[in-house]
Amino acid sequence: MKHTDIHKYNRAKNRGITLIALVISIIILIILAGISISVLLSDEGLFNKAKSTQKIQDVASLKEALELEKAPIQVDNAGNIDLDDYLEQIQKSKKNYTLNSVERLDDNNAEIVVNDKYKFLAKDKQDGNVEIIYEGIANLGDLEISATSGTYTYPIPGEFQVTSNKTNGALSVTSKNENIAKAEINGTTVTVTPGTKAGTIGIVVTSAANGDYAENRVTHTATVLNGEITITAEPYTGAYDGKEHPAFNNVTVTPSDATVTYALNGKESSDIPK
């Protein structure tokens, strides 16, 4: 082999080795990049861990701020706190957090949403203290309905829709007075069926707690109006035989769940008069 041919061969060989090394380097970089992205973006990645750590710090800071709201009440009431005083205090005080909503659940419990997303339960321990419990994330607007109020005329049912349930919690619905209206949900459609009593009540749609998200609720105000009731009756016919007979036969009421009553001497009865 000539000397020039040997040099050409060596240069080609070196270029081949360099190309292989470059390909291997690129493959290694791709693998390392994939590992880095996984470390950063996976459920257990650095970004999510950082976000989780920040959330923990935020919750701890807010819980401490809510606990500190007790101090003025304790000073004024010899160390005792009840739920009414606590709720009044957090609404009137100067605070380093944003109070978005306060919902009284019953005599001993209230839910508080602060900083647009964190929900806490204020629980009256009835021993001179109110316990503050973190429930989870409750972003305003996570649960929305197509209409926050509606008017219904007995006995015609009506509907409204759940238009947003971002937490994917299981949906349920309850009526605060089923004599006025009943409610049921199928998928995202809520059906309101008027009862036999006119009035205004709340229909509460609930999205159950799911993961980091707290239970969320939104209320539809239902106003039920009296509708038309049709009564038909056949009068008694026949020759008088000296016996007692009903004044009417086959009394029919539409709708069927309406109740027919009559008054005799100021006393109400559901029996058909004879």
C-alpha atoms as a PDB file:
ATOM      1  CA  MET A   1       0.000   0.000   0.000  1.00  0.00           C
ATOM      2  CA  LYS A   2       1.315   3.403  -0.917  1.00  0.00           C
ATOM      3  CA  HIS A   3       2.121   5.981   1.749  1.00  0.00           C
ATOM      4  CA  THR A   4      -0.636   8.348   0.531  1.00  0.00           C
ATOM      5  CA  ASP A   5      -3.163   5.504   0.584  1.00  0.00           C
ATOM      6  CA  ILE A   6      -2.263   4.736   4.216  1.00  0.00           C
ATOM      7  CA  HIS A   7      -2.894   8.387   5.165  1.00  0.00           C
ATOM      8  CA  LYS A   8      -6.255   8.360   3.366  1.00  0.00           C
ATOM      9  CA  TYR A   9      -7.195   5.135   5.134  1.00  0.00           C
ATOM     10  CA  ASN A  10      -6.222   6.547   8.553  1.00  0.00           C
ATOM     11  CA  ARG A  11      -8.183   9.763   7.929  1.00  0.00           C
ATOM     12  CA  ALA A  12     -11.275   7.780   6.904  1.00  0.00           C
ATOM     13  CA  LYS A  13     -10.864   5.540   9.942  1.00  0.00           C
ATOM     14  CA  ASN A  14     -10.559   8.563  12.256  1.00  0.00           C
ATOM     15  CA  ARG A  15     -13.640  10.181  10.709  1.00  0.00           C
ATOM     16  CA  GLY A  16     -15.553   6.915  11.256  1.00  0.00           C
ATOM     17  CA  ILE A  17     -14.488   6.766  14.890  1.00  0.00           C
ATOM     18  CA  THR A  18     -15.372  10.458  15.387  1.00  0.00           C
ATOM     19  CA  LEU A  19     -18.851   9.934  13.846  1.00  0.00           C
ATOM     20  CA  ILE A  20     -19.526   6.923  16.050  1.00  0.00           C
ATOM     21  CA  ALA A  21     -18.398   8.858  19.121  1.00  0.00           C
ATOM     22  CA  LEU A  22     -20.682  11.750  18.120  1.00  0.00           C
ATOM     23  CA  VAL A  23     -23.693   9.425  17.708  1.00  0.00           C
ATOM     24  CA  ILE A  24     -22.962   7.795  21.069  1.00  0.00           C
ATOM     25  CA  SER A  25     -22.638  11.214  22.690  1.00  0.00           C
ATOM     26  CA  ILE A  26     -25.971  12.344  21.211  1.00  0.00           C
ATOM     27  CA  ILE A  27     -27.674   9.166  22.457  1.00  0.00           C
ATOM     28  CA  ILE A  28     -26.242   9.688  25.928  1.00  0.00           C
ATOM     29  CA  LEU A  29     -27.389  13.319  25.930  1.00  0.00           C
ATOM     30  CA  ILE A  30     -30.909  12.270  24.864  1.00  0.00           C
ATOM     31  CA  ILE A  31     -31.041   9.690  27.653  1.00  0.00           C
ATOM     32  CA  LEU A  32     -29.773  12.224  30.191  1.00  0.00           C
ATOM     33  CA  ALA A  33     -32.294  14.798  28.931  1.00  0.00           C
ATOM     34  CA  GLY A  34     -35.118  12.275  29.313  1.00  0.00           C
ATOM     35  CA  ILE A  35     -33.983  11.444  32.828  1.00  0.00           C
ATOM     36  CA  SER A  36     -33.737  15.148  33.680  1.00  0.00           C
ATOM     37  CA  ILE A  37     -37.243  15.874  32.342  1.00  0.00           C
ATOM     38  CA  SER A  38     -38.601  12.905  34.276  1.00  0.00           C
ATOM     39  CA  VAL A  39     -36.884  14.101  37.445  1.00  0.00           C
ATOM     40  CA  LEU A  40     -38.333  17.568  36.944  1.00  0.00           C
ATOM     41  CA  LEU A  41     -41.849  16.842  35.707  1.00  0.00           C
ATOM     42  CA  SER A  42     -42.948  13.445  37.043  1.00  0.00           C
ATOM     43  CA  ASP A  43     -45.414  13.117  39.922  1.00  0.00           C
ATOM     44  CA  GLU A  44     -42.442  12.765  42.237  1.00  0.00           C
ATOM     45  CA  GLY A  45     -40.360  15.293  40.287  1.00  0.00           C
ATOM     46  CA  LEU A  46     -38.615  18.353  41.611  1.00  0.00           C
ATOM     47  CA  PHE A  47     -41.227  20.813  40.278  1.00  0.00           C
ATOM     48  CA  ASN A  48     -44.112  18.939  41.870  1.00  0.00           C
ATOM     49  CA  LYS A  49     -42.168  18.488  45.090  1.00  0.00           C
ATOM     50  CA  ALA A  50     -41.412  22.206  45.111  1.00  0.00           C
ATOM     51  CA  LYS A  51     -45.090  23.002  44.520  1.00  0.00           C
ATOM     52  CA  SER A  52     -46.091  20.546  47.257  1.00  0.00           C
ATOM     53  CA  THR A  53     -43.593  22.085  49.667  1.00  0.00           C
ATOM     54  CA  GLN A  54     -44.906  25.565  48.883  1.00  0.00           C
ATOM     55  CA  LYS A  55     -48.492  24.403  49.468  1.00  0.00           C
ATOM     56  CA  ILE A  56     -47.537  22.892  52.822  1.00  0.00           C
ATOM     57  CA  GLN A  57     -45.862  26.151  53.818  1.00  0.00           C
ATOM     58  CA  ASP A  58     -48.874  28.186  52.660  1.00  0.00           C
ATOM     59  CA  VAL A  59     -51.329  26.011  54.579  1.00  0.00           C
ATOM     60  CA  ALA A  60     -49.199  26.116  57.737  1.00  0.00           C
ATOM     61  CA  SER A  61     -48.899  29.902  57.498  1.00  0.00           C
ATOM     62  CA  LEU A  62     -52.640  30.381  56.979  1.00  0.00           C
ATOM     63  CA  LYS A  63     -53.561  27.996  59.787  1.00  0.00           C
ATOM     64  CA  GLU A  64     -51.262  29.938  62.104  1.00  0.00           C
ATOM     65  CA  ALA A  65     -52.925  33.209  61.024  1.00  0.00           C
ATOM     66  CA  LEU A  66     -56.374  31.756  61.693  1.00  0.00           C
ATOM     67  CA  GLU A  67     -55.223  30.501  65.099  1.00  0.00           C
ATOM     68  CA  LEU A  68     -53.911  33.972  65.980  1.00  0.00           C
ATOM     69  CA  GLU A  69     -57.407  35.392  65.399  1.00  0.00           C
ATOM     70  CA  LYS A  70     -58.379  33.754  68.696  1.00  0.00           C
ATOM     71  CA  ALA A  71     -56.099  35.981  70.789  1.00  0.00           C
ATOM     72  CA  PRO A  72     -58.334  39.108  71.008  1.00  0.00           C
ATOM     73  CA  ILE A  73     -61.354  36.927  71.878  1.00  0.00           C
ATOM     74  CA  GLN A  74     -59.435  35.164  74.641  1.00  0.00           C
ATOM     75  CA  VAL A  75     -58.408  38.523  76.103  1.00  0.00           C
ATOM     76  CA  ASP A  76     -61.998  39.781  76.127  1.00  0.00           C
ATOM     77  CA  ASN A  77     -63.603  36.529  77.331  1.00  0.00           C
ATOM     78  CA  ALA A  78     -61.228  35.210  79.980  1.00  0.00           C
ATOM     79  CA  GLY A  79     -59.666  32.714  77.598  1.00  0.00           C
ATOM     80  CA  ASN A  80     -62.941  31.324  76.236  1.00  0.00           C
ATOM     81  CA  ILE A  81     -63.861  31.232  72.542  1.00  0.00           C
ATOM     82  CA  ASP A  82     -67.090  30.214  70.857  1.00  0.00           C
ATOM     83  CA  LEU A  83     -67.787  29.885  67.147  1.00  0.00           C
ATOM     84  CA  ASP A  84     -69.963  32.992  66.845  1.00  0.00           C
ATOM     85  CA  ASP A  85     -67.268  35.213  68.354  1.00  0.00           C
ATOM     86  CA  TYR A  86     -64.590  33.610  66.185  1.00  0.00           C
ATOM     87  CA  LEU A  87     -66.500  34.111  62.917  1.00  0.00           C
ATOM     88  CA  GLU A  88     -67.217  37.723  63.838  1.00  0.00           C
ATOM     89  CA  GLN A  89     -63.538  38.270  64.621  1.00  0.00           C
ATOM     90  CA  ILE A  90     -62.164  36.939  61.314  1.00  0.00           C
ATOM     91  CA  GLN A  91     -64.611  39.065  59.340  1.00  0.00           C
ATOM     92  CA  LYS A  92     -63.815  42.349  61.054  1.00  0.00           C
ATOM     93  CA  SER A  93     -60.085  41.995  61.787  1.00  0.00           C
ATOM     94  CA  LYS A  94     -57.161  43.387  59.839  1.00  0.00           C
ATOM     95  CA  LYS A  95     -55.526  40.321  58.338  1.00  0.00           C
ATOM     96  CA  ASN A  96     -52.614  39.241  56.160  1.00  0.00           C
ATOM     97  CA  TYR A  97     -54.789  36.806  54.225  1.00  0.00           C
ATOM     98  CA  THR A  98     -57.888  37.157  52.029  1.00  0.00           C
ATOM     99  CA  LEU A  99     -61.149  35.885  53.515  1.00  0.00           C
ATOM    100  CA  ASN A 100     -63.252  34.738  50.539  1.00  0.00           C
ATOM    101  CA  SER A 101     -66.227  33.067  52.177  1.00  0.00           C
ATOM    102  CA  VAL A 102     -67.669  31.882  55.474  1.00  0.00           C
ATOM    103  CA  GLU A 103     -70.373  29.185  55.386  1.00  0.00           C
ATOM    104  CA  ARG A 104     -72.132  28.149  58.582  1.00  0.00           C
ATOM    105  CA  LEU A 105     -72.822  24.409  58.384  1.00  0.00           C
ATOM    106  CA  ASP A 106     -74.611  24.028  61.725  1.00  0.00           C
ATOM    107  CA  ASP A 107     -74.419  25.326  65.291  1.00  0.00           C
ATOM    108  CA  ASN A 108     -70.909  23.969  65.843  1.00  0.00           C
ATOM    109  CA  ASN A 109     -69.214  24.034  62.434  1.00  0.00           C
ATOM    110  CA  ALA A 110     -68.359  26.586  59.754  1.00  0.00           C
ATOM    111  CA  GLU A 111     -66.232  26.387  56.617  1.00  0.00           C
ATOM    112  CA  ILE A 112     -63.837  29.173  55.700  1.00  0.00           C
ATOM    113  CA  VAL A 113     -62.177  29.708  52.298  1.00  0.00           C
ATOM    114  CA  VAL A 114     -59.090  31.930  52.265  1.00  0.00           C
ATOM    115  CA  ASN A 115     -56.712  33.172  49.574  1.00  0.00           C
ATOM    116  CA  ASP A 116     -59.127  32.008  46.839  1.00  0.00           C
ATOM    117  CA  LYS A 117     -58.298  28.317  47.294  1.00  0.00           C
ATOM    118  CA  TYR A 118     -57.728  26.920  50.800  1.00  0.00           C
ATOM    119  CA  LYS A 119     -60.662  25.598  52.844  1.00  0.00           C
ATOM    120  CA  PHE A 120     -60.605  25.275  56.629  1.00  0.00           C
ATOM    121  CA  LEU A 121     -63.187  23.948  59.076  1.00  0.00           C
ATOM    122  CA  ALA A 122     -63.794  26.002  62.225  1.00  0.00           C
ATOM    123  CA  LYS A 123     -65.186  23.569  64.797  1.00  0.00           C
ATOM    124  CA  ASP A 124     -66.654  24.722  68.102  1.00  0.00           C
ATOM    125  CA  LYS A 125     -65.305  22.265  70.669  1.00  0.00           C
ATOM    126  CA  GLN A 126     -67.799  23.577  73.250  1.00  0.00           C
ATOM    127  CA  ASP A 127     -65.036  23.592  75.833  1.00  0.00           C
ATOM    128  CA  GLY A 128     -64.001  27.213  75.370  1.00  0.00           C
ATOM    129  CA  ASN A 129     -62.053  26.659  72.174  1.00  0.00           C
ATOM    130  CA  VAL A 130     -62.534  26.567  68.389  1.00  0.00           C
ATOM    131  CA  GLU A 131     -60.455  24.025  66.458  1.00  0.00           C
ATOM    132  CA  ILE A 132     -59.119  24.986  63.008  1.00  0.00           C
ATOM    133  CA  ILE A 133     -58.828  22.028  60.596  1.00  0.00           C
ATOM    134  CA  TYR A 134     -57.440  22.174  57.046  1.00  0.00           C
ATOM    135  CA  GLU A 135     -59.818  20.435  54.606  1.00  0.00           C
ATOM    136  CA  GLY A 136     -58.116  20.906  51.247  1.00  0.00           C
ATOM    137  CA  ILE A 137     -58.036  23.033  48.118  1.00  0.00           C
ATOM    138  CA  ALA A 138     -61.322  24.662  47.106  1.00  0.00           C
ATOM    139  CA  ASN A 139     -60.667  26.997  44.197  1.00  0.00           C
ATOM    140  CA  LEU A 140     -63.480  29.436  43.631  1.00  0.00           C
ATOM    141  CA  GLY A 141     -65.250  28.486  40.401  1.00  0.00           C
ATOM    142  CA  ASP A 142     -64.242  24.803  40.486  1.00  0.00           C
ATOM    143  CA  LEU A 143     -67.924  23.898  40.868  1.00  0.00           C
ATOM    144  CA  GLU A 144     -70.436  25.905  38.829  1.00  0.00           C
ATOM    145  CA  ILE A 145     -74.070  25.517  37.780  1.00  0.00           C
ATOM    146  CA  SER A 146     -76.016  26.966  34.870  1.00  0.00           C
ATOM    147  CA  ALA A 147     -78.490  28.835  37.089  1.00  0.00           C
ATOM    148  CA  THR A 148     -78.173  29.893  40.716  1.00  0.00           C
ATOM    149  CA  SER A 149     -81.952  30.379  41.017  1.00  0.00           C
ATOM    150  CA  GLY A 150     -85.151  29.273  39.328  1.00  0.00           C
ATOM    151  CA  THR A 151     -88.940  29.425  39.624  1.00  0.00           C
ATOM    152  CA  TYR A 152     -91.040  26.264  39.415  1.00  0.00           C
ATOM    153  CA  THR A 153     -94.833  25.885  39.282  1.00  0.00           C
ATOM    154  CA  TYR A 154     -96.382  22.814  40.848  1.00  0.00           C
ATOM    155  CA  PRO A 155     -96.406  20.096  39.533  1.00  0.00           C
ATOM    156  CA  ILE A 156     -94.138  20.857  36.536  1.00  0.00           C
ATOM    157  CA  PRO A 157     -90.459  19.845  37.053  1.00  0.00           C
ATOM    158  CA  GLY A 158     -87.504  21.869  35.798  1.00  0.00           C
ATOM    159  CA  GLU A 159     -83.787  21.359  35.223  1.00  0.00           C
ATOM    160  CA  PHE A 160     -80.422  23.043  35.533  1.00  0.00           C
ATOM    161  CA  GLN A 161     -76.918  21.833  34.686  1.00  0.00           C
ATOM    162  CA  VAL A 162     -73.607  21.397  36.505  1.00  0.00           C
ATOM    163  CA  THR A 163     -71.404  23.270  34.039  1.00  0.00           C
ATOM    164  CA  SER A 164     -68.044  22.846  35.779  1.00  0.00           C
ATOM    165  CA  ASN A 165     -66.656  20.213  38.165  1.00  0.00           C
ATOM    166  CA  LYS A 166     -62.905  20.681  37.812  1.00  0.00           C
ATOM    167  CA  THR A 167     -61.975  18.482  40.780  1.00  0.00           C
ATOM    168  CA  ASN A 168     -63.894  15.490  39.371  1.00  0.00           C
ATOM    169  CA  GLY A 169     -65.408  14.784  42.770  1.00  0.00           C
ATOM    170  CA  ALA A 170     -68.550  12.623  42.793  1.00  0.00           C
ATOM    171  CA  LEU A 171     -71.657  14.801  42.373  1.00  0.00           C
ATOM    172  CA  SER A 172     -74.713  14.660  44.611  1.00  0.00           C
ATOM    173  CA  VAL A 173     -77.686  16.924  45.303  1.00  0.00           C
ATOM    174  CA  THR A 174     -79.939  17.551  48.292  1.00  0.00           C
ATOM    175  CA  SER A 175     -83.046  19.620  48.939  1.00  0.00           C
ATOM    176  CA  LYS A 176     -83.368  21.582  52.173  1.00  0.00           C
ATOM    177  CA  ASN A 177     -87.127  20.930  52.232  1.00  0.00           C
ATOM    178  CA  GLU A 178     -88.585  18.121  50.145  1.00  0.00           C
ATOM    179  CA  ASN A 179     -92.140  19.271  50.901  1.00  0.00           C
ATOM    180  CA  ILE A 180     -91.379  22.308  48.752  1.00  0.00           C
ATOM    181  CA  ALA A 181     -89.197  20.610  46.134  1.00  0.00           C
ATOM    182  CA  LYS A 182     -87.262  17.397  45.605  1.00  0.00           C
ATOM    183  CA  ALA A 183     -84.039  17.193  43.612  1.00  0.00           C
ATOM    184  CA  GLU A 184     -82.117  14.428  41.869  1.00  0.00           C
ATOM    185  CA  ILE A 185     -79.029  14.384  39.662  1.00  0.00           C
ATOM    186  CA  ASN A 186     -78.306  12.271  36.590  1.00  0.00           C
ATOM    187  CA  GLY A 187     -74.826  12.872  35.213  1.00  0.00           C
ATOM    188  CA  THR A 188     -74.613  16.656  35.247  1.00  0.00           C
ATOM    189  CA  THR A 189     -78.365  17.339  34.971  1.00  0.00           C
ATOM    190  CA  VAL A 190     -80.241  18.316  38.129  1.00  0.00           C
ATOM    191  CA  THR A 191     -84.015  17.854  38.060  1.00  0.00           C
ATOM    192  CA  VAL A 192     -86.138  19.870  40.491  1.00  0.00           C
ATOM    193  CA  THR A 193     -89.638  18.520  41.145  1.00  0.00           C
ATOM    194  CA  PRO A 194     -91.996  20.928  42.942  1.00  0.00           C
ATOM    195  CA  GLY A 195     -93.819  19.626  46.002  1.00  0.00           C
ATOM    196  CA  THR A 196     -97.281  20.455  47.275  1.00  0.00           C
ATOM    197  CA  LYS A 197     -96.097  23.325  49.459  1.00  0.00           C
ATOM    198  CA  ALA A 198     -95.190  26.697  47.971  1.00  0.00           C
ATOM    199  CA  GLY A 199     -92.040  28.465  49.169  1.00  0.00           C
ATOM    200  CA  THR A 200     -88.332  29.100  48.562  1.00  0.00           C
ATOM    201  CA  ILE A 201     -85.562  26.667  49.444  1.00  0.00           C
ATOM    202  CA  GLY A 202     -81.959  25.821  48.622  1.00  0.00           C
ATOM    203  CA  ILE A 203     -81.009  22.955  46.318  1.00  0.00           C
ATOM    204  CA  VAL A 204     -77.404  22.113  47.238  1.00  0.00           C
ATOM    205  CA  VAL A 205     -75.106  20.527  44.647  1.00  0.00           C
ATOM    206  CA  THR A 206     -72.024  18.890  46.182  1.00  0.00           C
ATOM    207  CA  SER A 207     -68.763  17.725  44.614  1.00  0.00           C
ATOM    208  CA  ALA A 208     -67.145  15.224  46.999  1.00  0.00           C
ATOM    209  CA  ALA A 209     -63.584  15.600  48.290  1.00  0.00           C
ATOM    210  CA  ASN A 210     -61.086  14.161  45.803  1.00  0.00           C
ATOM    211  CA  GLY A 211     -57.358  13.898  46.457  1.00  0.00           C
ATOM    212  CA  ASP A 212     -55.996  17.293  47.528  1.00  0.00           C
ATOM    213  CA  TYR A 213     -59.361  18.917  46.830  1.00  0.00           C
ATOM    214  CA  ALA A 214     -61.907  19.591  49.536  1.00  0.00           C
ATOM    215  CA  GLU A 215     -65.625  19.008  49.233  1.00  0.00           C
ATOM    216  CA  ASN A 216     -67.217  21.848  47.286  1.00  0.00           C
ATOM    217  CA  ARG A 217     -70.814  23.048  47.265  1.00  0.00           C
ATOM    218  CA  VAL A 218     -72.967  25.473  45.337  1.00  0.00           C
ATOM    219  CA  THR A 219     -76.606  26.384  46.035  1.00  0.00           C
ATOM    220  CA  HIS A 220     -79.475  26.792  43.584  1.00  0.00           C
ATOM    221  CA  THR A 221     -82.373  28.796  45.054  1.00  0.00           C
ATOM    222  CA  ALA A 222     -85.686  27.226  44.023  1.00  0.00           C
ATOM    223  CA  THR A 223     -88.937  29.170  44.329  1.00  0.00           C
ATOM    224  CA  VAL A 224     -92.038  26.976  44.069  1.00  0.00           C
ATOM    225  CA  LEU A 225     -95.388  28.497  43.139  1.00  0.00           C
ATOM    226  CA  ASN A 226     -98.852  27.011  43.521  1.00  0.00           C
ATOM    227  CA  GLY A 227    -100.193  25.454  40.342  1.00  0.00           C
ATOM    228  CA  GLU A 228    -103.630  24.361  39.221  1.00  0.00           C
ATOM    229  CA  ILE A 229    -105.345  21.384  40.852  1.00  0.00           C
ATOM    230  CA  THR A 230    -108.272  19.725  39.111  1.00  0.00           C
ATOM    231  CA  ILE A 231    -110.911  17.893  41.132  1.00  0.00           C
ATOM    232  CA  THR A 232    -113.631  15.763  39.575  1.00  0.00           C
ATOM    233  CA  ALA A 233    -116.372  13.972  41.485  1.00  0.00           C
ATOM    234  CA  GLU A 234    -119.492  12.035  40.715  1.00  0.00           C
ATOM    235  CA  PRO A 235    -122.453  12.897  42.960  1.00  0.00           C
ATOM    236  CA  TYR A 236    -124.345  10.105  44.633  1.00  0.00           C
ATOM    237  CA  THR A 237    -127.382   9.016  42.684  1.00  0.00           C
ATOM    238  CA  GLY A 238    -130.084   6.596  43.628  1.00  0.00           C
ATOM    239  CA  ALA A 239    -133.340   6.312  45.465  1.00  0.00           C
ATOM    240  CA  TYR A 240    -133.185   7.204  49.110  1.00  0.00           C
ATOM    241  CA  ASP A 241    -133.334   4.054  51.160  1.00  0.00           C
ATOM    242  CA  GLY A 242    -133.014   5.586  54.612  1.00  0.00           C
ATOM    243  CA  LYS A 243    -129.332   4.684  54.871  1.00  0.00           C
ATOM    244  CA  GLU A 244    -126.238   6.893  55.014  1.00  0.00           C
ATOM    245  CA  HIS A 245    -124.395   7.332  51.693  1.00  0.00           C
ATOM    246  CA  PRO A 246    -121.361   9.398  50.582  1.00  0.00           C
ATOM    247  CA  ALA A 247    -122.251  12.715  49.002  1.00  0.00           C
ATOM    248  CA  PHE A 248    -119.724  11.983  46.225  1.00  0.00           C
ATOM    249  CA  ASN A 249    -118.319   8.948  44.463  1.00  0.00           C
ATOM    250  CA  ASN A 250    -115.072   8.530  42.529  1.00  0.00           C
ATOM    251  CA  VAL A 251    -113.341  11.745  43.591  1.00  0.00           C
ATOM    252  CA  THR A 252    -110.282  12.262  41.379  1.00  0.00           C
ATOM    253  CA  VAL A 253    -107.531  14.808  42.001  1.00  0.00           C
ATOM    254  CA  THR A 254    -104.978  15.889  39.389  1.00  0.00           C
ATOM    255  CA  PRO A 255    -102.053  15.855  40.105  1.00  0.00           C
ATOM    256  CA  SER A 256    -102.417  12.679  42.125  1.00  0.00           C
ATOM    257  CA  ASP A 257    -100.120  13.748  44.975  1.00  0.00           C
ATOM    258  CA  ALA A 258    -102.332  16.712  45.868  1.00  0.00           C
ATOM    259  CA  THR A 259    -104.338  16.381  49.060  1.00  0.00           C
ATOM    260  CA  VAL A 260    -108.033  17.273  49.190  1.00  0.00           C
ATOM    261  CA  THR A 261    -109.382  18.489  52.508  1.00  0.00           C
ATOM    262  CA  TYR A 262    -112.618  20.106  53.561  1.00  0.00           C
ATOM    263  CA  ALA A 263    -113.647  22.097  56.622  1.00  0.00           C
ATOM    264  CA  LEU A 264    -116.736  21.359  58.669  1.00  0.00           C
ATOM    265  CA  ASN A 265    -117.422  23.450  61.748  1.00  0.00           C
ATOM    266  CA  GLY A 266    -113.886  24.807  61.527  1.00  0.00           C
ATOM    267  CA  LYS A 267    -112.296  21.352  61.715  1.00  0.00           C
ATOM    268  CA  GLU A 268    -110.234  20.141  58.769  1.00  0.00           C
ATOM    269  CA  SER A 269    -110.631  16.588  57.539  1.00  0.00           C
ATOM    270  CA  SER A 270    -109.425  14.548  54.582  1.00  0.00           C
ATOM    271  CA  ASP A 271    -112.573  12.446  54.482  1.00  0.00           C
ATOM    272  CA  ILE A 272    -115.179  13.103  51.834  1.00  0.00           C
ATOM    273  CA  PRO A 273    -118.324  14.502  53.516  1.00  0.00           C
ATOM    274  CA  LYS A 274    -121.425  12.345  53.627  1.00  0.00           C
END
